[in-house]
């Protein structure tokens, strides 16, 4: 199981939100490259980077700072980068891949612009992943601010039909809250998709990582870890050992 330490970005700063709420933000660093280097030194093979400024439609200066940070991590740190946030068209995917990103996550367009999402899979294949988020069983889009007019079950079927083979599923109610994980939620999503998923939301201690790893590679292929790493309730080296992967 791959462990993805998370670097969420607002105007170039490393931040964490609670349940995706922009006003509930803590800033942990102004140096994303140094943060990625620390994760790499602990043994991480991947980092998960999210351009929250672009996802929230913030000004171009903020978005540019985030893009510079993503590019710098790709160029200077020996990790693979999974990145997303505000990806709305093929040009956005190409921009991130050209910057050195290994995999681009597509979220809101799965609902708002499925034609683009399907075209992205057809063109870029394994280099794109579906990014699905739900709160209380309701799909969330546009930086998790809005409830989508589609059920989770229907959206997952659509994602499979588009041809995605990687999917990040975020339990928004647990994200940034350090409440622990709900393994059965990921088991259900993986069963609906027919392939293993990456779990996101609620990871607090190494025991959460162990619980997800115990589901098996056929259910969970990766786990995103964020606030727990920054708050010190989870040690990355221990998480990597518990996951048995990268």
Protein backbone atom coordinates (compact mmCIF):
# COMPACT_ATOMS: atom_id res chain seq x y z
CA UNK A 1 0.00 0.00 0.00
CA UNK A 2 1.39 3.39 -0.98
CA UNK A 3 1.49 6.14 1.63
CA UNK A 4 0.92 9.60 0.16
CA UNK A 5 1.99 12.35 2.58
CA UNK A 6 -0.10 15.38 1.65
CA UNK A 7 1.05 18.88 0.77
CA UNK A 8 -2.01 21.11 0.34
CA UNK A 9 -1.19 24.54 -1.03
CA UNK A 10 -2.72 28.00 -0.65
CA UNK A 11 -0.70 30.83 -2.22
CA UNK A 12 2.47 28.76 -1.93
CA UNK A 13 2.01 27.86 1.75
CA UNK A 14 1.61 24.33 3.09
CA UNK A 15 -1.76 24.16 4.82
CA UNK A 16 -4.42 21.81 6.14
CA UNK A 17 -8.15 22.44 6.23
CA UNK A 18 -10.88 20.87 8.32
CA UNK A 19 -13.54 19.13 6.21
CA UNK A 20 -12.35 21.20 3.26
CA UNK A 21 -13.54 24.50 4.77
CA UNK A 22 -11.34 27.39 3.56
CA UNK A 23 -11.82 29.42 6.75
CA UNK A 24 -10.75 26.44 8.88
CA UNK A 25 -7.13 26.54 7.76
CA UNK A 26 -3.84 26.00 9.56
CA UNK A 27 -0.55 27.01 7.90
CA UNK A 28 2.34 24.65 8.61
CA UNK A 29 5.11 25.89 6.32
CA UNK A 30 5.99 28.47 3.70
CA UNK A 31 8.48 26.09 2.04
CA UNK A 32 6.75 23.21 0.18
CA UNK A 33 10.05 21.96 -1.22
CA UNK A 34 11.57 21.58 2.23
CA UNK A 35 8.43 19.77 3.36
CA UNK A 36 8.62 17.37 0.42
CA UNK A 37 12.32 16.82 1.11
CA UNK A 38 11.48 15.90 4.71
CA UNK A 39 8.90 13.40 3.50
CA UNK A 40 11.41 11.91 1.04
CA UNK A 41 14.05 11.65 3.77
CA UNK A 42 11.57 9.65 5.86
CA UNK A 43 11.22 7.19 2.99
CA UNK A 44 8.19 8.40 1.02
CA UNK A 45 8.16 7.50 -2.66
CA UNK A 46 5.17 9.72 -3.45
CA UNK A 47 3.67 12.99 -2.25
CA UNK A 48 0.09 14.14 -2.81
CA UNK A 49 -0.10 17.85 -3.72
CA UNK A 50 -3.34 19.82 -4.00
CA UNK A 51 -3.67 23.32 -5.44
CA UNK A 52 -6.41 24.60 -3.15
CA UNK A 53 -6.15 28.13 -4.50
CA UNK A 54 -7.11 26.93 -7.97
CA UNK A 55 -9.83 24.66 -6.57
CA UNK A 56 -11.34 27.64 -4.72
CA UNK A 57 -11.01 30.00 -7.70
CA UNK A 58 -8.55 32.31 -5.97
CA UNK A 59 -6.43 34.95 -7.70
CA UNK A 60 -3.82 34.12 -10.31
CA UNK A 61 -0.91 35.10 -8.07
CA UNK A 62 -1.94 32.47 -5.53
CA UNK A 63 -2.40 29.85 -8.24
CA UNK A 64 0.96 30.72 -9.80
CA UNK A 65 2.72 30.33 -6.44
CA UNK A 66 1.20 26.89 -6.03
CA UNK A 67 2.18 25.84 -9.54
CA UNK A 68 5.74 27.01 -8.91
CA UNK A 69 5.80 24.89 -5.76
CA UNK A 70 4.53 21.79 -7.58
CA UNK A 71 7.09 22.26 -10.35
CA UNK A 72 9.91 22.78 -7.86
CA UNK A 73 9.06 19.61 -5.95
CA UNK A 74 8.98 17.63 -9.19
CA UNK A 75 12.35 19.02 -10.24
CA UNK A 76 14.23 18.98 -6.95
CA UNK A 77 12.86 16.21 -4.73
CA UNK A 78 13.30 12.45 -5.40
CA UNK A 79 9.61 11.57 -5.12
CA UNK A 80 6.77 10.98 -7.55
CA UNK A 81 4.01 13.57 -7.35
CA UNK A 82 0.26 13.01 -7.48
CA UNK A 83 -1.38 16.40 -7.95
CA UNK A 84 -4.80 17.94 -8.39
CA UNK A 85 -7.05 20.79 -7.43
CA UNK A 86 -8.93 22.90 -9.95
CA UNK A 87 -8.21 20.63 -12.91
CA UNK A 88 -10.91 21.64 -15.37
CA UNK A 89 -9.57 20.87 -18.87
CA UNK A 90 -6.97 19.06 -20.93
CA UNK A 91 -4.67 22.09 -20.75
CA UNK A 92 -4.64 21.78 -16.94
CA UNK A 93 -3.68 18.12 -17.16
CA UNK A 94 -0.96 18.86 -19.69
CA UNK A 95 0.41 21.73 -17.57
CA UNK A 96 0.85 19.44 -14.57
CA UNK A 97 2.30 16.55 -16.55
CA UNK A 98 4.73 18.91 -18.28
CA UNK A 99 5.81 20.12 -14.84
CA UNK A 100 6.80 16.57 -13.94
CA UNK A 101 3.70 15.33 -12.11
CA UNK A 102 3.31 11.55 -12.36
CA UNK A 103 -0.46 11.42 -11.89
CA UNK A 104 -3.15 14.11 -12.12
CA UNK A 105 -6.36 13.88 -10.09
CA UNK A 106 -9.62 15.00 -11.70
CA UNK A 107 -12.50 15.77 -9.36
CA UNK A 108 -15.35 18.20 -10.09
CA UNK A 109 -15.41 17.52 -13.88
CA UNK A 110 -16.41 13.92 -13.14
CA UNK A 111 -19.81 15.50 -12.41
CA UNK A 112 -19.73 18.86 -14.19
CA UNK A 113 -17.89 17.87 -17.40
CA UNK A 114 -17.78 14.09 -17.82
CA UNK A 115 -16.89 14.51 -21.50
CA UNK A 116 -13.58 16.10 -20.54
CA UNK A 117 -12.94 13.49 -17.85
CA UNK A 118 -13.50 10.65 -20.31
CA UNK A 119 -11.29 12.32 -22.90
CA UNK A 120 -8.55 12.76 -20.32
CA UNK A 121 -8.57 9.04 -19.57
CA UNK A 122 -8.55 8.19 -23.27
CA UNK A 123 -5.58 10.48 -23.86
CA UNK A 124 -3.52 10.10 -20.70
CA UNK A 125 -4.55 6.68 -19.35
CA UNK A 126 -2.83 5.72 -16.10
CA UNK A 127 -1.51 9.27 -15.66
CA UNK A 128 -4.93 10.49 -14.48
CA UNK A 129 -7.00 9.45 -11.48
CA UNK A 130 -10.59 10.08 -10.45
CA UNK A 131 -10.93 12.18 -7.29
CA UNK A 132 -14.25 11.48 -5.59
CA UNK A 133 -15.28 13.10 -2.31
CA UNK A 134 -18.43 12.57 -0.26
CA UNK A 135 -19.83 13.77 3.04
CA UNK A 136 -22.53 11.75 4.72
CA UNK A 137 -22.90 9.76 1.53
CA UNK A 138 -23.46 12.90 -0.60
CA UNK A 139 -20.96 13.68 -3.37
CA UNK A 140 -19.16 17.02 -2.95
CA UNK A 141 -17.70 19.15 -5.78
CA UNK A 142 -16.14 22.58 -6.38
CA UNK A 143 -13.63 22.40 -3.57
CA UNK A 144 -16.13 20.28 -1.59
CA UNK A 145 -18.34 23.36 -1.13
CA UNK A 146 -21.33 22.09 -3.10
CA UNK A 147 -23.40 18.93 -3.02
CA UNK A 148 -23.58 17.29 -6.45
CA UNK A 149 -26.91 16.26 -7.99
CA UNK A 150 -25.74 12.67 -8.37
CA UNK A 151 -25.53 9.74 -5.98
CA UNK A 152 -22.20 8.25 -5.02
CA UNK A 153 -23.24 4.92 -6.51
CA UNK A 154 -24.11 6.55 -9.85
CA UNK A 155 -20.90 8.58 -9.94
CA UNK A 156 -18.73 5.54 -9.25
CA UNK A 157 -20.44 3.64 -12.06
CA UNK A 158 -19.78 6.61 -14.36
CA UNK A 159 -16.10 6.72 -13.37
CA UNK A 160 -15.72 3.05 -14.18
CA UNK A 161 -17.44 3.58 -17.51
CA UNK A 162 -15.04 6.39 -18.38
CA UNK A 163 -12.13 3.98 -18.02
CA UNK A 164 -10.41 5.21 -14.85
CA UNK A 165 -8.23 2.64 -13.10
CA UNK A 166 -7.17 4.82 -10.15
CA UNK A 167 -9.50 6.58 -7.73
CA UNK A 168 -8.95 8.66 -4.61
CA UNK A 169 -11.95 8.55 -2.30
CA UNK A 170 -12.13 11.21 0.41
CA UNK A 171 -14.41 10.91 3.40
CA UNK A 172 -14.97 14.67 3.80
CA UNK A 173 -16.61 14.39 7.22
CA UNK A 174 -13.35 12.95 8.57
CA UNK A 175 -10.84 14.94 6.54
CA UNK A 176 -8.55 17.01 8.75
CA UNK A 177 -10.53 16.05 11.82
CA UNK A 178 -8.25 13.29 13.17
CA UNK A 179 -11.21 11.08 13.98
CA UNK A 180 -9.83 7.83 12.59
CA UNK A 181 -10.78 6.03 9.39
CA UNK A 182 -13.85 4.10 8.29
CA UNK A 183 -12.41 1.04 6.50
CA UNK A 184 -15.81 -0.22 5.41
CA UNK A 185 -16.41 2.94 3.37
CA UNK A 186 -13.35 2.16 1.25
CA UNK A 187 -14.30 -1.49 0.98
CA UNK A 188 -17.68 -0.43 -0.43
CA UNK A 189 -16.17 2.03 -2.91
CA UNK A 190 -13.61 -0.50 -4.12
CA UNK A 191 -16.35 -3.09 -4.58
CA UNK A 192 -18.39 -0.63 -6.63
CA UNK A 193 -15.39 0.25 -8.81
CA UNK A 194 -13.95 -3.22 -9.22
CA UNK A 195 -10.42 -2.00 -8.48
CA UNK A 196 -8.52 -0.86 -5.37
CA UNK A 197 -8.81 2.77 -4.27
CA UNK A 198 -6.72 5.31 -2.41
CA UNK A 199 -8.16 6.20 0.98
CA UNK A 200 -8.24 9.78 2.23
CA UNK A 201 -9.74 11.32 5.34
CA UNK A 202 -9.38 10.76 9.06
CA UNK A 203 -5.99 9.06 9.32
CA UNK A 204 -4.75 9.89 12.81
CA UNK A 205 -2.39 7.17 14.05
CA UNK A 206 -0.38 4.27 12.69
CA UNK A 207 -3.23 2.00 13.73
CA UNK A 208 -5.42 3.65 11.08
CA UNK A 209 -2.80 2.79 8.47
CA UNK A 210 -2.71 -0.80 9.70
CA UNK A 211 -6.51 -1.06 9.51
CA UNK A 212 -6.49 0.09 5.90
CA UNK A 213 -3.57 -2.17 4.96
CA UNK A 214 -5.44 -5.11 6.51
CA UNK A 215 -8.16 -4.69 3.88
CA UNK A 216 -5.65 -5.96 1.33
CA UNK A 217 -4.17 -4.66 -1.91
CA UNK A 218 -7.35 -5.57 -3.74
CA UNK A 219 -9.29 -2.97 -1.72
CA UNK A 220 -6.89 -0.16 -0.84
CA UNK A 221 -3.86 0.65 -2.97
CA UNK A 222 -2.87 3.80 -1.12
CA UNK A 223 -3.59 6.15 1.77
CA UNK A 224 -3.32 9.93 1.96
CA UNK A 225 -1.95 11.22 5.27
CA UNK A 226 -2.13 14.91 6.12
CA UNK A 227 -2.82 16.66 9.40
CA UNK A 228 -1.67 13.69 11.49
CA UNK A 229 1.85 14.05 10.06
CA UNK A 230 1.95 17.78 10.75
CA UNK A 231 0.49 17.47 14.24
CA UNK A 232 2.80 14.59 15.16
CA UNK A 233 0.19 11.94 15.91
CA UNK A 234 1.54 9.86 13.02
CA UNK A 235 5.18 9.18 12.20
CA UNK A 236 5.73 8.81 8.45
CA UNK A 237 8.41 6.14 8.76
CA UNK A 238 6.11 4.08 10.97
CA UNK A 239 3.23 4.60 8.53
CA UNK A 240 5.37 3.40 5.64
CA UNK A 241 6.40 0.30 7.60
CA UNK A 242 2.77 -0.43 8.55
CA UNK A 243 1.67 -0.03 4.93
CA UNK A 244 4.32 -2.39 3.66
CA UNK A 245 4.73 -0.29 0.52
CA UNK A 246 6.25 3.02 -0.55
